Amino acid sequence: MLSSHEDGYLGPAYELTSAVVNLRKLPRFGYGYDFTAVLSSDQAAQVDYTTGLVALCIFLLIFFLMWSSLLVVFKIMGPGNAGFLSGHPFLIPDPVDDEKNIHKRPLRVRIVF
């Protein structure tokens, strides 16, 4: 059996896939993104990677909690104040009502004029 060193064969260089590139773009808040640091014997590198991973998880948790609280607030506000953000569908006005109320002015306008 021949090894690759005896043939002089060198395999192709590793090309980063889009998944690896996208994972490297995640916010790490200044901490390392090299996963092999977890498996290394260097305690500082392990702590650095783990701290970045925990910071990312906390960031995502805060984002999720803020998003969820906004959804709950909009739901409580109802369609009168929050409109479609409260989860209610858009209301399509009835054209018959528009024709009946075309000459009716708002109360404030009727009082002043």
PDB file of N, CA and C in Angstrom:
ATOM      1  N   MET A   1       0.848  -1.176   0.000  1.00  0.00           N
ATOM      2  CA  MET A   1       0.000   0.000   0.000  1.00  0.00           C
ATOM      3  C   MET A   1       0.894   1.240   0.000  1.00  0.00           C
ATOM      4  N   LEU A   2       0.623   2.143  -0.918  1.00  0.00           N
ATOM      5  CA  LEU A   2       1.435   3.334  -1.052  1.00  0.00           C
ATOM      6  C   LEU A   2       0.805   4.485  -0.275  1.00  0.00           C
ATOM      7  N   SER A   3       1.617   5.244   0.383  1.00  0.00           N
ATOM      8  CA  SER A   3       1.099   6.423   1.071  1.00  0.00           C
ATOM      9  C   SER A   3       1.166   7.617   0.123  1.00  0.00           C
ATOM     10  N   SER A   4       0.502   8.634   0.477  1.00  0.00           N
ATOM     11  CA  SER A   4       0.450   9.803  -0.395  1.00  0.00           C
ATOM     12  C   SER A   4       1.806  10.507  -0.468  1.00  0.00           C
ATOM     13  N   HIS A   5       2.652  10.312   0.536  1.00  0.00           N
ATOM     14  CA  HIS A   5       3.951  10.972   0.532  1.00  0.00           C
ATOM     15  C   HIS A   5       4.905  10.294  -0.430  1.00  0.00           C
ATOM     16  N   GLU A   6       4.772   8.980  -0.622  1.00  0.00           N
ATOM     17  CA  GLU A   6       5.655   8.270  -1.543  1.00  0.00           C
ATOM     18  C   GLU A   6       5.354   8.650  -2.987  1.00  0.00           C
ATOM     19  N   ASP A   7       4.093   8.916  -3.306  1.00  0.00           N
ATOM     20  CA  ASP A   7       3.725   9.287  -4.672  1.00  0.00           C
ATOM     21  C   ASP A   7       4.046  10.735  -4.970  1.00  0.00           C
ATOM     22  N   GLY A   8       4.179  11.526  -3.956  1.00  0.00           N
ATOM     23  CA  GLY A   8       4.324  12.958  -4.161  1.00  0.00           C
ATOM     24  C   GLY A   8       2.970  13.608  -4.398  1.00  0.00           C
ATOM     25  N   TYR A   9       1.916  12.877  -4.074  1.00  0.00           N
ATOM     26  CA  TYR A   9       0.558  13.389  -4.295  1.00  0.00           C
ATOM     27  C   TYR A   9       0.170  14.366  -3.181  1.00  0.00           C
ATOM     28  N   LEU A  10      -0.339  15.478  -3.569  1.00  0.00           N
ATOM     29  CA  LEU A  10      -0.895  16.432  -2.626  1.00  0.00           C
ATOM     30  C   LEU A  10      -2.361  16.619  -2.986  1.00  0.00           C
ATOM     31  N   GLY A  11      -3.201  16.448  -2.018  1.00  0.00           N
ATOM     32  CA  GLY A  11      -4.632  16.612  -2.254  1.00  0.00           C
ATOM     33  C   GLY A  11      -4.980  18.070  -2.509  1.00  0.00           C
ATOM     34  N   PRO A  12      -6.188  18.290  -3.006  1.00  0.00           N
ATOM     35  CA  PRO A  12      -6.599  19.676  -3.269  1.00  0.00           C
ATOM     36  C   PRO A  12      -6.741  20.451  -1.958  1.00  0.00           C
ATOM     37  N   ALA A  13      -6.522  21.737  -2.049  1.00  0.00           N
ATOM     38  CA  ALA A  13      -6.641  22.587  -0.871  1.00  0.00           C
ATOM     39  C   ALA A  13      -8.101  22.639  -0.441  1.00  0.00           C
ATOM     40  N   TYR A  14      -8.297  22.737   0.852  1.00  0.00           N
ATOM     41  CA  TYR A  14      -9.668  22.792   1.386  1.00  0.00           C
ATOM     42  C   TYR A  14     -10.303  24.128   1.035  1.00  0.00           C
ATOM     43  N   GLU A  15     -11.480  24.054   0.459  1.00  0.00           N
ATOM     44  CA  GLU A  15     -12.227  25.257   0.135  1.00  0.00           C
ATOM     45  C   GLU A  15     -13.385  25.385   1.113  1.00  0.00           C
ATOM     46  N   LEU A  16     -13.509  26.567   1.687  1.00  0.00           N
ATOM     47  CA  LEU A  16     -14.578  26.791   2.656  1.00  0.00           C
ATOM     48  C   LEU A  16     -15.934  26.734   1.963  1.00  0.00           C
ATOM     49  N   THR A  17     -16.854  26.008   2.555  1.00  0.00           N
ATOM     50  CA  THR A  17     -18.212  25.970   2.025  1.00  0.00           C
ATOM     51  C   THR A  17     -18.974  27.199   2.507  1.00  0.00           C
ATOM     52  N   SER A  18     -20.130  27.430   1.918  1.00  0.00           N
ATOM     53  CA  SER A  18     -20.916  28.605   2.303  1.00  0.00           C
ATOM     54  C   SER A  18     -21.390  28.504   3.754  1.00  0.00           C
ATOM     55  N   ALA A  19     -21.641  27.289   4.241  1.00  0.00           N
ATOM     56  CA  ALA A  19     -22.076  27.123   5.629  1.00  0.00           C
ATOM     57  C   ALA A  19     -20.970  27.542   6.595  1.00  0.00           C
ATOM     58  N   VAL A  20     -19.747  27.176   6.286  1.00  0.00           N
ATOM     59  CA  VAL A  20     -18.616  27.546   7.155  1.00  0.00           C
ATOM     60  C   VAL A  20     -18.399  29.052   7.111  1.00  0.00           C
ATOM     61  N   VAL A  21     -18.504  29.629   5.929  1.00  0.00           N
ATOM     62  CA  VAL A  21     -18.328  31.081   5.794  1.00  0.00           C
ATOM     63  C   VAL A  21     -19.411  31.812   6.578  1.00  0.00           C
ATOM     64  N   ASN A  22     -20.651  31.351   6.485  1.00  0.00           N
ATOM     65  CA  ASN A  22     -21.750  31.999   7.203  1.00  0.00           C
ATOM     66  C   ASN A  22     -21.603  31.853   8.714  1.00  0.00           C
ATOM     67  N   LEU A  23     -21.129  30.710   9.187  1.00  0.00           N
ATOM     68  CA  LEU A  23     -20.925  30.536  10.622  1.00  0.00           C
ATOM     69  C   LEU A  23     -19.807  31.437  11.129  1.00  0.00           C
ATOM     70  N   ARG A  24     -18.822  31.692  10.299  1.00  0.00           N
ATOM     71  CA  ARG A  24     -17.738  32.590  10.711  1.00  0.00           C
ATOM     72  C   ARG A  24     -18.207  34.037  10.779  1.00  0.00           C
ATOM     73  N   LYS A  25     -19.296  34.362  10.088  1.00  0.00           N
ATOM     74  CA  LYS A  25     -19.803  35.733  10.091  1.00  0.00           C
ATOM     75  C   LYS A  25     -20.705  36.025  11.291  1.00  0.00           C
ATOM     76  N   LEU A  26     -21.052  35.000  12.068  1.00  0.00           N
ATOM     77  CA  LEU A  26     -21.882  35.229  13.243  1.00  0.00           C
ATOM     78  C   LEU A  26     -21.153  36.119  14.238  1.00  0.00           C
ATOM     79  N   PRO A  27     -21.888  36.958  14.955  1.00  0.00           N
ATOM     80  CA  PRO A  27     -21.209  37.824  15.931  1.00  0.00           C
ATOM     81  C   PRO A  27     -20.629  37.001  17.069  1.00  0.00           C
ATOM     82  N   ARG A  28     -19.351  37.173  17.307  1.00  0.00           N
ATOM     83  CA  ARG A  28     -18.679  36.462  18.399  1.00  0.00           C
ATOM     84  C   ARG A  28     -18.217  37.437  19.476  1.00  0.00           C
ATOM     85  N   PHE A  29     -18.465  38.716  19.293  1.00  0.00           N
ATOM     86  CA  PHE A  29     -18.162  39.743  20.289  1.00  0.00           C
ATOM     87  C   PHE A  29     -16.687  39.747  20.674  1.00  0.00           C
ATOM     88  N   GLY A  30     -15.839  39.581  19.663  1.00  0.00           N
ATOM     89  CA  GLY A  30     -14.401  39.652  19.885  1.00  0.00           C
ATOM     90  C   GLY A  30     -13.753  38.353  20.302  1.00  0.00           C
ATOM     91  N   TYR A  31     -14.504  37.285  20.437  1.00  0.00           N
ATOM     92  CA  TYR A  31     -13.942  36.004  20.848  1.00  0.00           C
ATOM     93  C   TYR A  31     -13.668  35.139  19.627  1.00  0.00           C
ATOM     94  N   GLY A  32     -12.844  34.108  19.809  1.00  0.00           N
ATOM     95  CA  GLY A  32     -12.437  33.255  18.699  1.00  0.00           C
ATOM     96  C   GLY A  32     -13.571  32.443  18.116  1.00  0.00           C
ATOM     97  N   TYR A  33     -13.429  32.088  16.831  1.00  0.00           N
ATOM     98  CA  TYR A  33     -14.452  31.298  16.148  1.00  0.00           C
ATOM     99  C   TYR A  33     -13.907  29.950  15.680  1.00  0.00           C
ATOM    100  N   ASP A  34     -12.693  29.603  16.086  1.00  0.00           N
ATOM    101  CA  ASP A  34     -12.077  28.349  15.676  1.00  0.00           C
ATOM    102  C   ASP A  34     -12.538  27.230  16.617  1.00  0.00           C
ATOM    103  N   PHE A  35     -13.344  26.305  16.087  1.00  0.00           N
ATOM    104  CA  PHE A  35     -13.923  25.232  16.895  1.00  0.00           C
ATOM    105  C   PHE A  35     -12.857  24.310  17.468  1.00  0.00           C
ATOM    106  N   THR A  36     -11.736  24.181  16.782  1.00  0.00           N
ATOM    107  CA  THR A  36     -10.696  23.272  17.275  1.00  0.00           C
ATOM    108  C   THR A  36     -10.095  23.758  18.589  1.00  0.00           C
ATOM    109  N   ALA A  37     -10.358  24.994  18.960  1.00  0.00           N
ATOM    110  CA  ALA A  37      -9.858  25.507  20.243  1.00  0.00           C
ATOM    111  C   ALA A  37     -10.486  24.751  21.411  1.00  0.00           C
ATOM    112  N   VAL A  38     -11.701  24.251  21.221  1.00  0.00           N
ATOM    113  CA  VAL A  38     -12.362  23.486  22.288  1.00  0.00           C
ATOM    114  C   VAL A  38     -11.619  22.184  22.545  1.00  0.00           C
ATOM    115  N   LEU A  39     -11.064  21.604  21.494  1.00  0.00           N
ATOM    116  CA  LEU A  39     -10.379  20.324  21.621  1.00  0.00           C
ATOM    117  C   LEU A  39      -8.903  20.468  21.951  1.00  0.00           C
ATOM    118  N   SER A  40      -8.398  21.683  21.947  1.00  0.00           N
ATOM    119  CA  SER A  40      -6.970  21.879  22.201  1.00  0.00           C
ATOM    120  C   SER A  40      -6.672  21.731  23.700  1.00  0.00           C
ATOM    121  N   SER A  41      -5.385  21.636  23.998  1.00  0.00           N
ATOM    122  CA  SER A  41      -4.974  21.515  25.401  1.00  0.00           C
ATOM    123  C   SER A  41      -4.785  22.886  26.048  1.00  0.00           C
ATOM    124  N   ASP A  42      -4.882  23.939  25.248  1.00  0.00           N
ATOM    125  CA  ASP A  42      -4.710  25.298  25.765  1.00  0.00           C
ATOM    126  C   ASP A  42      -5.996  25.737  26.462  1.00  0.00           C
ATOM    127  N   GLN A  43      -5.916  25.906  27.763  1.00  0.00           N
ATOM    128  CA  GLN A  43      -7.087  26.274  28.571  1.00  0.00           C
ATOM    129  C   GLN A  43      -7.632  27.640  28.171  1.00  0.00           C
ATOM    130  N   ALA A  44      -6.757  28.590  27.850  1.00  0.00           N
ATOM    131  CA  ALA A  44      -7.194  29.941  27.488  1.00  0.00           C
ATOM    132  C   ALA A  44      -7.982  29.929  26.176  1.00  0.00           C
ATOM    133  N   ALA A  45      -7.549  29.118  25.217  1.00  0.00           N
ATOM    134  CA  ALA A  45      -8.262  29.026  23.937  1.00  0.00           C
ATOM    135  C   ALA A  45      -9.635  28.389  24.131  1.00  0.00           C
ATOM    136  N   GLN A  46      -9.717  27.399  24.993  1.00  0.00           N
ATOM    137  CA  GLN A  46     -11.012  26.773  25.283  1.00  0.00           C
ATOM    138  C   GLN A  46     -11.969  27.777  25.922  1.00  0.00           C
ATOM    139  N   VAL A  47     -11.478  28.530  26.881  1.00  0.00           N
ATOM    140  CA  VAL A  47     -12.310  29.523  27.551  1.00  0.00           C
ATOM    141  C   VAL A  47     -12.730  30.615  26.575  1.00  0.00           C
ATOM    142  N   ASP A  48     -11.817  31.031  25.686  1.00  0.00           N
ATOM    143  CA  ASP A  48     -12.122  32.070  24.707  1.00  0.00           C
ATOM    144  C   ASP A  48     -13.249  31.629  23.774  1.00  0.00           C
ATOM    145  N   TYR A  49     -13.162  30.415  23.251  1.00  0.00           N
ATOM    146  CA  TYR A  49     -14.198  29.930  22.342  1.00  0.00           C
ATOM    147  C   TYR A  49     -15.523  29.745  23.083  1.00  0.00           C
ATOM    148  N   THR A  50     -15.471  29.175  24.263  1.00  0.00           N
ATOM    149  CA  THR A  50     -16.690  28.929  25.031  1.00  0.00           C
ATOM    150  C   THR A  50     -17.364  30.241  25.424  1.00  0.00           C
ATOM    151  N   THR A  51     -16.577  31.235  25.793  1.00  0.00           N
ATOM    152  CA  THR A  51     -17.144  32.540  26.137  1.00  0.00           C
ATOM    153  C   THR A  51     -17.836  33.165  24.938  1.00  0.00           C
ATOM    154  N   GLY A  52     -17.235  33.055  23.759  1.00  0.00           N
ATOM    155  CA  GLY A  52     -17.874  33.562  22.548  1.00  0.00           C
ATOM    156  C   GLY A  52     -19.158  32.832  22.238  1.00  0.00           C
ATOM    157  N   LEU A  53     -19.182  31.530  22.448  1.00  0.00           N
ATOM    158  CA  LEU A  53     -20.391  30.742  22.204  1.00  0.00           C
ATOM    159  C   LEU A  53     -21.499  31.117  23.188  1.00  0.00           C
ATOM    160  N   VAL A  54     -21.149  31.307  24.439  1.00  0.00           N
ATOM    161  CA  VAL A  54     -22.129  31.712  25.443  1.00  0.00           C
ATOM    162  C   VAL A  54     -22.650  33.123  25.144  1.00  0.00           C
ATOM    163  N   ALA A  55     -21.749  34.026  24.726  1.00  0.00           N
ATOM    164  CA  ALA A  55     -22.169  35.389  24.385  1.00  0.00           C
ATOM    165  C   ALA A  55     -23.144  35.372  23.211  1.00  0.00           C
ATOM    166  N   LEU A  56     -22.888  34.542  22.217  1.00  0.00           N
ATOM    167  CA  LEU A  56     -23.797  34.428  21.073  1.00  0.00           C
ATOM    168  C   LEU A  56     -25.154  33.893  21.517  1.00  0.00           C
ATOM    169  N   CYS A  57     -25.160  32.884  22.373  1.00  0.00           N
ATOM    170  CA  CYS A  57     -26.427  32.322  22.870  1.00  0.00           C
ATOM    171  C   CYS A  57     -27.209  33.348  23.682  1.00  0.00           C
ATOM    172  N   ILE A  58     -26.525  34.118  24.503  1.00  0.00           N
ATOM    173  CA  ILE A  58     -27.203  35.153  25.297  1.00  0.00           C
ATOM    174  C   ILE A  58     -27.774  36.226  24.379  1.00  0.00           C
ATOM    175  N   PHE A  59     -27.015  36.617  23.354  1.00  0.00           N
ATOM    176  CA  PHE A  59     -27.493  37.605  22.382  1.00  0.00           C
ATOM    177  C   PHE A  59     -28.758  37.111  21.690  1.00  0.00           C
ATOM    178  N   LEU A  60     -28.759  35.863  21.241  1.00  0.00           N
ATOM    179  CA  LEU A  60     -29.944  35.308  20.571  1.00  0.00           C
ATOM    180  C   LEU A  60     -31.119  35.176  21.533  1.00  0.00           C
ATOM    181  N   LEU A  61     -30.862  34.827  22.782  1.00  0.00           N
ATOM    182  CA  LEU A  61     -31.930  34.714  23.775  1.00  0.00           C
ATOM    183  C   LEU A  61     -32.556  36.083  24.047  1.00  0.00           C
ATOM    184  N   ILE A  62     -31.729  37.112  24.186  1.00  0.00           N
ATOM    185  CA  ILE A  62     -32.254  38.464  24.416  1.00  0.00           C
ATOM    186  C   ILE A  62     -33.081  38.918  23.224  1.00  0.00           C
ATOM    187  N   PHE A  63     -32.604  38.653  22.010  1.00  0.00           N
ATOM    188  CA  PHE A  63     -33.358  39.015  20.808  1.00  0.00           C
ATOM    189  C   PHE A  63     -34.709  38.301  20.788  1.00  0.00           C
ATOM    190  N   PHE A  64     -34.731  37.016  21.106  1.00  0.00           N
ATOM    191  CA  PHE A  64     -35.974  36.247  21.129  1.00  0.00           C
ATOM    192  C   PHE A  64     -36.932  36.769  22.191  1.00  0.00           C
ATOM    193  N   LEU A  65     -36.416  37.084  23.381  1.00  0.00           N
ATOM    194  CA  LEU A  65     -37.278  37.593  24.453  1.00  0.00           C
ATOM    195  C   LEU A  65     -37.859  38.964  24.106  1.00  0.00           C
ATOM    196  N   MET A  66     -37.062  39.836  23.481  1.00  0.00           N
ATOM    197  CA  MET A  66     -37.571  41.142  23.070  1.00  0.00           C
ATOM    198  C   MET A  66     -38.651  40.982  21.995  1.00  0.00           C
ATOM    199  N   TRP A  67     -38.399  40.112  21.029  1.00  0.00           N
ATOM    200  CA  TRP A  67     -39.370  39.860  19.959  1.00  0.00           C
ATOM    201  C   TRP A  67     -40.672  39.304  20.547  1.00  0.00           C
ATOM    202  N   SER A  68     -40.556  38.348  21.442  1.00  0.00           N
ATOM    203  CA  SER A  68     -41.749  37.744  22.051  1.00  0.00           C
ATOM    204  C   SER A  68     -42.524  38.760  22.881  1.00  0.00           C
ATOM    205  N   SER A  69     -41.799  39.600  23.623  1.00  0.00           N
ATOM    206  CA  SER A  69     -42.506  40.591  24.431  1.00  0.00           C
ATOM    207  C   SER A  69     -43.215  41.616  23.546  1.00  0.00           C
ATOM    208  N   LEU A  70     -42.621  41.990  22.426  1.00  0.00           N
ATOM    209  CA  LEU A  70     -43.302  42.893  21.494  1.00  0.00           C
ATOM    210  C   LEU A  70     -44.570  42.256  20.939  1.00  0.00           C
ATOM    211  N   LEU A  71     -44.502  40.982  20.599  1.00  0.00           N
ATOM    212  CA  LEU A  71     -45.698  40.294  20.098  1.00  0.00           C
ATOM    213  C   LEU A  71     -46.802  40.270  21.142  1.00  0.00           C
ATOM    214  N   VAL A  72     -46.442  40.028  22.391  1.00  0.00           N
ATOM    215  CA  VAL A  72     -47.440  40.002  23.465  1.00  0.00           C
ATOM    216  C   VAL A  72     -48.029  41.395  23.676  1.00  0.00           C
ATOM    217  N   VAL A  73     -47.195  42.430  23.655  1.00  0.00           N
ATOM    218  CA  VAL A  73     -47.685  43.802  23.837  1.00  0.00           C
ATOM    219  C   VAL A  73     -48.640  44.174  22.705  1.00  0.00           C
ATOM    220  N   PHE A  74     -48.281  43.861  21.463  1.00  0.00           N
ATOM    221  CA  PHE A  74     -49.161  44.171  20.335  1.00  0.00           C
ATOM    222  C   PHE A  74     -50.477  43.394  20.436  1.00  0.00           C
ATOM    223  N   LYS A  75     -50.404  42.160  20.894  1.00  0.00           N
ATOM    224  CA  LYS A  75     -51.615  41.359  21.044  1.00  0.00           C
ATOM    225  C   LYS A  75     -52.532  41.972  22.102  1.00  0.00           C
ATOM    226  N   ILE A  76     -51.956  42.452  23.203  1.00  0.00           N
ATOM    227  CA  ILE A  76     -52.742  43.072  24.271  1.00  0.00           C
ATOM    228  C   ILE A  76     -53.343  44.393  23.797  1.00  0.00           C
ATOM    229  N   MET A  77     -52.600  45.157  22.993  1.00  0.00           N
ATOM    230  CA  MET A  77     -53.094  46.442  22.500  1.00  0.00           C
ATOM    231  C   MET A  77     -54.328  46.281  21.612  1.00  0.00           C
ATOM    232  N   GLY A  78     -54.422  45.160  20.926  1.00  0.00           N
ATOM    233  CA  GLY A  78     -55.593  44.899  20.107  1.00  0.00           C
ATOM    234  C   GLY A  78     -55.531  45.570  18.747  1.00  0.00           C
ATOM    235  N   PRO A  79     -56.506  45.259  17.903  1.00  0.00           N
ATOM    236  CA  PRO A  79     -56.484  45.780  16.538  1.00  0.00           C
ATOM    237  C   PRO A  79     -56.764  47.277  16.455  1.00  0.00           C
ATOM    238  N   GLY A  80     -57.412  47.839  17.468  1.00  0.00           N
ATOM    239  CA  GLY A  80     -57.699  49.267  17.443  1.00  0.00           C
ATOM    240  C   GLY A  80     -56.457  50.118  17.567  1.00  0.00           C
ATOM    241  N   ASN A  81     -55.484  49.677  18.345  1.00  0.00           N
ATOM    242  CA  ASN A  81     -54.265  50.449  18.574  1.00  0.00           C
ATOM    243  C   ASN A  81     -53.074  49.948  17.760  1.00  0.00           C
ATOM    244  N   ALA A  82     -52.971  48.640  17.586  1.00  0.00           N
ATOM    245  CA  ALA A  82     -51.802  48.073  16.913  1.00  0.00           C
ATOM    246  C   ALA A  82     -52.114  47.595  15.504  1.00  0.00           C
ATOM    247  N   GLY A  83     -53.358  47.544  15.123  1.00  0.00           N
ATOM    248  CA  GLY A  83     -53.719  47.120  13.769  1.00  0.00           C
ATOM    249  C   GLY A  83     -53.345  45.676  13.494  1.00  0.00           C
ATOM    250  N   PHE A  84     -52.739  45.455  12.329  1.00  0.00           N
ATOM    251  CA  PHE A  84     -52.389  44.092  11.933  1.00  0.00           C
ATOM    252  C   PHE A  84     -51.281  43.509  12.802  1.00  0.00           C
ATOM    253  N   LEU A  85     -50.517  44.346  13.528  1.00  0.00           N
ATOM    254  CA  LEU A  85     -49.459  43.841  14.398  1.00  0.00           C
ATOM    255  C   LEU A  85     -50.018  43.026  15.561  1.00  0.00           C
ATOM    256  N   SER A  86     -51.311  43.206  15.852  1.00  0.00           N
ATOM    257  CA  SER A  86     -51.912  42.448  16.939  1.00  0.00           C
ATOM    258  C   SER A  86     -52.339  41.052  16.495  1.00  0.00           C
ATOM    259  N   GLY A  87     -52.110  40.729  15.242  1.00  0.00           N
ATOM    260  CA  GLY A  87     -52.451  39.399  14.751  1.00  0.00           C
ATOM    261  C   GLY A  87     -53.798  39.314  14.086  1.00  0.00           C
ATOM    262  N   HIS A  88     -54.498  40.418  14.005  1.00  0.00           N
ATOM    263  CA  HIS A  88     -55.794  40.429  13.342  1.00  0.00           C
ATOM    264  C   HIS A  88     -55.611  40.705  11.857  1.00  0.00           C
ATOM    265  N   PRO A  89     -56.489  40.175  11.033  1.00  0.00           N
ATOM    266  CA  PRO A  89     -56.341  40.388   9.587  1.00  0.00           C
ATOM    267  C   PRO A  89     -56.683  41.826   9.198  1.00  0.00           C
ATOM    268  N   PHE A  90     -56.218  42.214   8.029  1.00  0.00           N
ATOM    269  CA  PHE A  90     -56.567  43.525   7.496  1.00  0.00           C
ATOM    270  C   PHE A  90     -58.063  43.577   7.254  1.00  0.00           C
ATOM    271  N   LEU A  91     -58.663  44.719   7.568  1.00  0.00           N
ATOM    272  CA  LEU A  91     -60.083  44.903   7.312  1.00  0.00           C
ATOM    273  C   LEU A  91     -60.250  45.658   6.006  1.00  0.00           C
ATOM    274  N   ILE A  92     -60.991  45.058   5.095  1.00  0.00           N
ATOM    275  CA  ILE A  92     -61.258  45.707   3.819  1.00  0.00           C
ATOM    276  C   ILE A  92     -62.562  46.478   3.975  1.00  0.00           C
ATOM    277  N   PRO A  93     -62.520  47.808   3.782  1.00  0.00           N
ATOM    278  CA  PRO A  93     -63.742  48.588   3.977  1.00  0.00           C
ATOM    279  C   PRO A  93     -64.807  48.228   2.939  1.00  0.00           C
ATOM    280  N   ASP A  94     -66.037  48.270   3.400  1.00  0.00           N
ATOM    281  CA  ASP A  94     -67.167  47.964   2.528  1.00  0.00           C
ATOM    282  C   ASP A  94     -67.484  49.198   1.679  1.00  0.00           C
ATOM    283  N   PRO A  95     -67.520  49.086   0.359  1.00  0.00           N
ATOM    284  CA  PRO A  95     -67.789  50.253  -0.485  1.00  0.00           C
ATOM    285  C   PRO A  95     -69.186  50.837  -0.259  1.00  0.00           C
ATOM    286  N   VAL A  96     -70.134  50.045   0.207  1.00  0.00           N
ATOM    287  CA  VAL A  96     -71.481  50.547   0.457  1.00  0.00           C
ATOM    288  C   VAL A  96     -71.448  51.566   1.596  1.00  0.00           C
ATOM    289  N   ASP A  97     -70.653  51.288   2.650  1.00  0.00           N
ATOM    290  CA  ASP A  97     -70.535  52.228   3.762  1.00  0.00           C
ATOM    291  C   ASP A  97     -69.886  53.539   3.309  1.00  0.00           C
ATOM    292  N   ASP A  98     -68.943  53.457   2.391  1.00  0.00           N
ATOM    293  CA  ASP A  98     -68.301  54.667   1.891  1.00  0.00           C
ATOM    294  C   ASP A  98     -69.299  55.550   1.146  1.00  0.00           C
ATOM    295  N   GLU A  99     -70.184  54.941   0.392  1.00  0.00           N
ATOM    296  CA  GLU A  99     -71.170  55.718  -0.370  1.00  0.00           C
ATOM    297  C   GLU A  99     -72.199  56.364   0.553  1.00  0.00           C
ATOM    298  N   LYS A 100     -72.567  55.693   1.642  1.00  0.00           N
ATOM    299  CA  LYS A 100     -73.545  56.260   2.577  1.00  0.00           C
ATOM    300  C   LYS A 100     -72.957  57.424   3.362  1.00  0.00           C
ATOM    301  N   ASN A 101     -71.686  57.340   3.717  1.00  0.00           N
ATOM    302  CA  ASN A 101     -71.060  58.343   4.586  1.00  0.00           C
ATOM    303  C   ASN A 101     -70.239  59.367   3.808  1.00  0.00           C
ATOM    304  N   ILE A 102     -70.437  59.460   2.520  1.00  0.00           N
ATOM    305  CA  ILE A 102     -69.605  60.352   1.718  1.00  0.00           C
ATOM    306  C   ILE A 102     -69.857  61.826   2.051  1.00  0.00           C
ATOM    307  N   HIS A 103     -71.085  62.177   2.419  1.00  0.00           N
ATOM    308  CA  HIS A 103     -71.391  63.565   2.709  1.00  0.00           C
ATOM    309  C   HIS A 103     -71.402  63.863   4.204  1.00  0.00           C
ATOM    310  N   LYS A 104     -71.159  62.896   5.045  1.00  0.00           N
ATOM    311  CA  LYS A 104     -71.158  63.109   6.489  1.00  0.00           C
ATOM    312  C   LYS A 104     -69.764  63.538   6.932  1.00  0.00           C
ATOM    313  N   ARG A 105     -69.676  64.701   7.547  1.00  0.00           N
ATOM    314  CA  ARG A 105     -68.394  65.207   8.023  1.00  0.00           C
ATOM    315  C   ARG A 105     -68.166  64.754   9.461  1.00  0.00           C
ATOM    316  N   PRO A 106     -66.919  64.703   9.897  1.00  0.00           N
ATOM    317  CA  PRO A 106     -66.634  64.337  11.283  1.00  0.00           C
ATOM    318  C   PRO A 106     -67.246  65.340  12.256  1.00  0.00           C
ATOM    319  N   LEU A 107     -67.459  64.904  13.494  1.00  0.00           N
ATOM    320  CA  LEU A 107     -68.120  65.711  14.516  1.00  0.00           C
ATOM    321  C   LEU A 107     -67.371  67.020  14.760  1.00  0.00           C
ATOM    322  N   ARG A 108     -66.047  66.969  14.814  1.00  0.00           N
ATOM    323  CA  ARG A 108     -65.277  68.192  15.053  1.00  0.00           C
ATOM    324  C   ARG A 108     -65.498  69.213  13.952  1.00  0.00           C
ATOM    325  N   VAL A 109     -65.558  68.759  12.724  1.00  0.00           N
ATOM    326  CA  VAL A 109     -65.780  69.672  11.610  1.00  0.00           C
ATOM    327  C   VAL A 109     -67.197  70.235  11.656  1.00  0.00           C
ATOM    328  N   ARG A 110     -68.183  69.409  12.027  1.00  0.00           N
ATOM    329  CA  ARG A 110     -69.565  69.891  12.079  1.00  0.00           C
ATOM    330  C   ARG A 110     -69.771  70.903  13.191  1.00  0.00           C
ATOM    331  N   ILE A 111     -69.041  70.765  14.304  1.00  0.00           N
ATOM    332  CA  ILE A 111     -69.172  71.695  15.414  1.00  0.00           C
ATOM    333  C   ILE A 111     -68.576  73.060  15.058  1.00  0.00           C
ATOM    334  N   VAL A 112     -67.401  73.050  14.440  1.00  0.00           N
ATOM    335  CA  VAL A 112     -66.710  74.289  14.111  1.00  0.00           C
ATOM    336  C   VAL A 112     -67.384  75.018  12.957  1.00  0.00           C
ATOM    337  N   PHE A 113     -67.840  74.315  11.942  1.00  0.00           N
ATOM    338  CA  PHE A 113     -68.387  74.970  10.759  1.00  0.00           C
ATOM    339  C   PHE A 113     -69.875  74.852  10.775  1.00  0.00           C
TER     340      PHE A 113
END
